Amino acid sequence: MTRQRTLILLAAGGSAALLLGAFAFQHLGGMAPCKLCLWQRWPHGAAVVLGLAGLAAWPALMAGLGALAALATAGIGGYHTGVERGWWQGPSDCSGGPVGEMTSEELFAQIMAAPLVRCDEVPWEMLGLSMASWNMVVSLGLAALWVMALRAR
């Protein structure tokens, strides 16, 4: 395996590991994600797909796109950190779903059953950093791996 493909595999594997960790906190630890937590997952999913594609074809292109995905989730993580720390205002609605054509009783039942997950609270932290902060830090490292893969061609 070439150095470029090894770096792609490491970067995509890092995103996969972060996603697995997030799902473990959610499903095993019982910590429901807020809206911003969910937003941070999408670029990691894209990075995993890009990594797999980069192993098959166009590794330089996939490495560049993977770097953008890692930077996107790092940016969302940084934004979320600021919301958690009260540095700026977050989204006004950090939970909810489609209303559709529900009756008022069905809508009320859905609202009452939904867990209240706030974007501006830190439910878990390690070494003074929240999950959003750790996502930002690790994702910046993953972006560096993607850039190294891009330059290794």
C-alpha atoms as a PDB file:
ATOM      1  CA  MET A   1       0.000   0.000   0.000  1.00  0.00           C
ATOM      2  CA  THR A   2       1.315   3.438  -0.878  1.00  0.00           C
ATOM      3  CA  ARG A   3       2.003   6.102   1.733  1.00  0.00           C
ATOM      4  CA  GLN A   4      -0.878   8.166   0.347  1.00  0.00           C
ATOM      5  CA  ARG A   5      -3.381   5.344   0.732  1.00  0.00           C
ATOM      6  CA  THR A   6      -2.080   4.575   4.233  1.00  0.00           C
ATOM      7  CA  LEU A   7      -2.676   8.190   5.273  1.00  0.00           C
ATOM      8  CA  ILE A   8      -6.148   8.121   3.703  1.00  0.00           C
ATOM      9  CA  LEU A   9      -6.935   4.953   5.626  1.00  0.00           C
ATOM     10  CA  LEU A  10      -5.727   6.518   8.890  1.00  0.00           C
ATOM     11  CA  ALA A  11      -7.743   9.699   8.358  1.00  0.00           C
ATOM     12  CA  ALA A  12     -10.930   7.887   7.353  1.00  0.00           C
ATOM     13  CA  GLY A  13     -10.420   5.426  10.200  1.00  0.00           C
ATOM     14  CA  GLY A  14     -10.124   8.336  12.615  1.00  0.00           C
ATOM     15  CA  SER A  15     -13.479   9.684  11.476  1.00  0.00           C
ATOM     16  CA  ALA A  16     -14.990   6.212  11.775  1.00  0.00           C
ATOM     17  CA  ALA A  17     -13.616   5.929  15.314  1.00  0.00           C
ATOM     18  CA  LEU A  18     -15.088   9.301  16.276  1.00  0.00           C
ATOM     19  CA  LEU A  19     -18.463   8.278  14.852  1.00  0.00           C
ATOM     20  CA  LEU A  20     -18.366   4.973  16.737  1.00  0.00           C
ATOM     21  CA  GLY A  21     -17.506   6.858  19.908  1.00  0.00           C
ATOM     22  CA  ALA A  22     -20.427   9.233  19.417  1.00  0.00           C
ATOM     23  CA  PHE A  23     -22.806   6.327  18.821  1.00  0.00           C
ATOM     24  CA  ALA A  24     -21.445   4.560  21.927  1.00  0.00           C
ATOM     25  CA  PHE A  25     -22.070   7.644  24.081  1.00  0.00           C
ATOM     26  CA  GLN A  26     -25.579   7.837  22.627  1.00  0.00           C
ATOM     27  CA  HIS A  27     -26.667   4.211  22.639  1.00  0.00           C
ATOM     28  CA  LEU A  28     -24.585   2.696  25.435  1.00  0.00           C
ATOM     29  CA  GLY A  29     -24.141   5.762  27.625  1.00  0.00           C
ATOM     30  CA  GLY A  30     -27.659   7.112  27.197  1.00  0.00           C
ATOM     31  CA  MET A  31     -26.496  10.597  26.169  1.00  0.00           C
ATOM     32  CA  ALA A  32     -28.895  11.870  23.524  1.00  0.00           C
ATOM     33  CA  PRO A  33     -27.167  14.164  21.005  1.00  0.00           C
ATOM     34  CA  CYS A  34     -28.239  17.740  20.472  1.00  0.00           C
ATOM     35  CA  LYS A  35     -28.763  19.292  17.051  1.00  0.00           C
ATOM     36  CA  LEU A  36     -25.170  20.529  16.799  1.00  0.00           C
ATOM     37  CA  CYS A  37     -23.831  17.118  17.846  1.00  0.00           C
ATOM     38  CA  LEU A  38     -25.740  15.560  14.968  1.00  0.00           C
ATOM     39  CA  TRP A  39     -24.400  18.177  12.539  1.00  0.00           C
ATOM     40  CA  GLN A  40     -20.852  17.219  13.530  1.00  0.00           C
ATOM     41  CA  ARG A  41     -21.463  13.589  12.549  1.00  0.00           C
ATOM     42  CA  TRP A  42     -22.310  14.175   8.882  1.00  0.00           C
ATOM     43  CA  PRO A  43     -18.846  15.323   7.727  1.00  0.00           C
ATOM     44  CA  HIS A  44     -17.286  12.352   9.520  1.00  0.00           C
ATOM     45  CA  GLY A  45     -19.611  10.040   7.604  1.00  0.00           C
ATOM     46  CA  ALA A  46     -18.606  11.780   4.385  1.00  0.00           C
ATOM     47  CA  ALA A  47     -14.913  11.401   5.297  1.00  0.00           C
ATOM     48  CA  VAL A  48     -15.333   7.659   5.792  1.00  0.00           C
ATOM     49  CA  VAL A  49     -17.005   7.317   2.380  1.00  0.00           C
ATOM     50  CA  LEU A  50     -14.349   9.514   0.766  1.00  0.00           C
ATOM     51  CA  GLY A  51     -11.637   7.433   2.382  1.00  0.00           C
ATOM     52  CA  LEU A  52     -13.073   4.212   1.003  1.00  0.00           C
ATOM     53  CA  ALA A  53     -13.421   5.808  -2.418  1.00  0.00           C
ATOM     54  CA  GLY A  54      -9.859   7.121  -2.209  1.00  0.00           C
ATOM     55  CA  LEU A  55      -8.558   3.612  -1.651  1.00  0.00           C
ATOM     56  CA  ALA A  56     -10.225   2.542  -4.900  1.00  0.00           C
ATOM     57  CA  ALA A  57      -9.668   5.514  -7.204  1.00  0.00           C
ATOM     58  CA  TRP A  58      -8.668   9.188  -7.360  1.00  0.00           C
ATOM     59  CA  PRO A  59      -6.838   9.253  -4.022  1.00  0.00           C
ATOM     60  CA  ALA A  60      -5.668  12.857  -4.405  1.00  0.00           C
ATOM     61  CA  LEU A  61      -9.176  14.143  -5.103  1.00  0.00           C
ATOM     62  CA  MET A  62     -10.635  12.129  -2.228  1.00  0.00           C
ATOM     63  CA  ALA A  63      -7.868  13.323   0.092  1.00  0.00           C
ATOM     64  CA  GLY A  64      -8.680  16.949  -0.739  1.00  0.00           C
ATOM     65  CA  LEU A  65     -12.387  16.391  -0.178  1.00  0.00           C
ATOM     66  CA  GLY A  66     -11.633  14.448   3.010  1.00  0.00           C
ATOM     67  CA  ALA A  67      -9.640  17.414   4.313  1.00  0.00           C
ATOM     68  CA  LEU A  68     -12.623  19.681   3.652  1.00  0.00           C
ATOM     69  CA  ALA A  69     -14.935  17.273   5.479  1.00  0.00           C
ATOM     70  CA  ALA A  70     -12.588  17.165   8.486  1.00  0.00           C
ATOM     71  CA  LEU A  71     -12.334  20.954   8.520  1.00  0.00           C
ATOM     72  CA  ALA A  72     -16.133  21.230   8.292  1.00  0.00           C
ATOM     73  CA  THR A  73     -16.707  19.070  11.351  1.00  0.00           C
ATOM     74  CA  ALA A  74     -13.902  20.884  13.194  1.00  0.00           C
ATOM     75  CA  GLY A  75     -15.633  24.179  12.389  1.00  0.00           C
ATOM     76  CA  ILE A  76     -18.983  22.915  13.641  1.00  0.00           C
ATOM     77  CA  GLY A  77     -17.246  21.580  16.759  1.00  0.00           C
ATOM     78  CA  GLY A  78     -15.658  24.982  17.340  1.00  0.00           C
ATOM     79  CA  TYR A  79     -19.016  26.692  16.899  1.00  0.00           C
ATOM     80  CA  HIS A  80     -20.629  24.214  19.294  1.00  0.00           C
ATOM     81  CA  THR A  81     -17.858  24.798  21.843  1.00  0.00           C
ATOM     82  CA  GLY A  82     -18.586  28.526  21.719  1.00  0.00           C
ATOM     83  CA  VAL A  83     -22.285  27.866  22.273  1.00  0.00           C
ATOM     84  CA  GLU A  84     -21.507  25.572  25.217  1.00  0.00           C
ATOM     85  CA  ARG A  85     -19.186  28.136  26.782  1.00  0.00           C
ATOM     86  CA  GLY A  86     -21.648  30.992  26.269  1.00  0.00           C
ATOM     87  CA  TRP A  87     -19.355  32.882  23.894  1.00  0.00           C
ATOM     88  CA  TRP A  88     -22.185  33.276  21.378  1.00  0.00           C
ATOM     89  CA  GLN A  89     -25.786  32.310  20.848  1.00  0.00           C
ATOM     90  CA  GLY A  90     -26.607  28.910  19.368  1.00  0.00           C
ATOM     91  CA  PRO A  91     -29.593  27.754  17.351  1.00  0.00           C
ATOM     92  CA  SER A  92     -32.903  28.670  18.941  1.00  0.00           C
ATOM     93  CA  ASP A  93     -34.184  25.136  18.439  1.00  0.00           C
ATOM     94  CA  CYS A  94     -31.834  22.393  19.524  1.00  0.00           C
ATOM     95  CA  SER A  95     -34.409  19.637  19.229  1.00  0.00           C
ATOM     96  CA  GLY A  96     -37.629  18.839  17.492  1.00  0.00           C
ATOM     97  CA  GLY A  97     -38.961  17.084  14.451  1.00  0.00           C
ATOM     98  CA  PRO A  98     -41.363  17.553  11.595  1.00  0.00           C
ATOM     99  CA  VAL A  99     -44.909  18.473  12.533  1.00  0.00           C
ATOM    100  CA  GLY A 100     -46.566  17.365   9.292  1.00  0.00           C
ATOM    101  CA  GLU A 101     -50.279  16.862   9.625  1.00  0.00           C
ATOM    102  CA  MET A 102     -50.370  15.887  13.291  1.00  0.00           C
ATOM    103  CA  THR A 103     -53.263  16.688  15.507  1.00  0.00           C
ATOM    104  CA  SER A 104     -52.538  18.956  18.442  1.00  0.00           C
ATOM    105  CA  GLU A 105     -52.765  15.936  20.784  1.00  0.00           C
ATOM    106  CA  GLU A 106     -50.212  13.968  18.705  1.00  0.00           C
ATOM    107  CA  LEU A 107     -47.881  16.956  18.582  1.00  0.00           C
ATOM    108  CA  PHE A 108     -48.156  17.467  22.336  1.00  0.00           C
ATOM    109  CA  ALA A 109     -47.456  13.770  22.947  1.00  0.00           C
ATOM    110  CA  GLN A 110     -44.382  13.939  20.679  1.00  0.00           C
ATOM    111  CA  ILE A 111     -43.080  17.029  22.467  1.00  0.00           C
ATOM    112  CA  MET A 112     -43.599  15.464  25.890  1.00  0.00           C
ATOM    113  CA  ALA A 113     -41.867  12.216  24.839  1.00  0.00           C
ATOM    114  CA  ALA A 114     -38.842  13.903  23.261  1.00  0.00           C
ATOM    115  CA  PRO A 115     -35.755  14.213  25.456  1.00  0.00           C
ATOM    116  CA  LEU A 116     -34.718  17.797  26.116  1.00  0.00           C
ATOM    117  CA  VAL A 117     -31.213  18.130  24.748  1.00  0.00           C
ATOM    118  CA  ARG A 118     -29.683  21.567  24.969  1.00  0.00           C
ATOM    119  CA  CYS A 119     -26.837  22.697  22.741  1.00  0.00           C
ATOM    120  CA  ASP A 120     -25.572  25.167  25.330  1.00  0.00           C
ATOM    121  CA  GLU A 121     -24.839  22.673  28.109  1.00  0.00           C
ATOM    122  CA  VAL A 122     -21.787  20.437  28.489  1.00  0.00           C
ATOM    123  CA  PRO A 123     -23.008  16.938  29.365  1.00  0.00           C
ATOM    124  CA  TRP A 124     -19.511  15.372  29.457  1.00  0.00           C
ATOM    125  CA  GLU A 125     -15.965  16.638  29.512  1.00  0.00           C
ATOM    126  CA  MET A 126     -12.441  15.321  29.862  1.00  0.00           C
ATOM    127  CA  LEU A 127      -9.424  17.444  30.752  1.00  0.00           C
ATOM    128  CA  GLY A 128     -11.663  20.510  30.633  1.00  0.00           C
ATOM    129  CA  LEU A 129     -12.815  19.902  27.055  1.00  0.00           C
ATOM    130  CA  SER A 130     -16.316  18.889  25.996  1.00  0.00           C
ATOM    131  CA  MET A 131     -17.065  16.305  23.316  1.00  0.00           C
ATOM    132  CA  ALA A 132     -17.548  19.137  20.821  1.00  0.00           C
ATOM    133  CA  SER A 133     -14.148  20.554  21.747  1.00  0.00           C
ATOM    134  CA  TRP A 134     -12.476  17.147  21.451  1.00  0.00           C
ATOM    135  CA  ASN A 135     -14.150  16.649  18.086  1.00  0.00           C
ATOM    136  CA  MET A 136     -12.684  19.952  16.935  1.00  0.00           C
ATOM    137  CA  VAL A 137      -9.164  19.114  18.151  1.00  0.00           C
ATOM    138  CA  VAL A 138      -9.105  15.574  16.761  1.00  0.00           C
ATOM    139  CA  SER A 139     -10.726  16.654  13.491  1.00  0.00           C
ATOM    140  CA  LEU A 140      -8.011  19.253  12.951  1.00  0.00           C
ATOM    141  CA  GLY A 141      -5.496  16.435  13.345  1.00  0.00           C
ATOM    142  CA  LEU A 142      -7.453  14.341  10.852  1.00  0.00           C
ATOM    143  CA  ALA A 143      -7.482  17.283   8.430  1.00  0.00           C
ATOM    144  CA  ALA A 144      -3.687  17.359   8.714  1.00  0.00           C
ATOM    145  CA  LEU A 145      -3.579  13.649   7.819  1.00  0.00           C
ATOM    146  CA  TRP A 146      -5.794  14.290   4.788  1.00  0.00           C
ATOM    147  CA  VAL A 147      -3.517  17.120   3.659  1.00  0.00           C
ATOM    148  CA  MET A 148      -0.469  14.890   4.129  1.00  0.00           C
ATOM    149  CA  ALA A 149      -2.207  12.285   1.958  1.00  0.00           C
ATOM    150  CA  LEU A 150      -2.931  14.918  -0.668  1.00  0.00           C
ATOM    151  CA  ARG A 151       0.704  15.982  -0.761  1.00  0.00           C
ATOM    152  CA  ALA A 152       2.019  12.387  -0.803  1.00  0.00           C
ATOM    153  CA  ARG A 153       1.046  11.771  -4.423  1.00  0.00           C
END
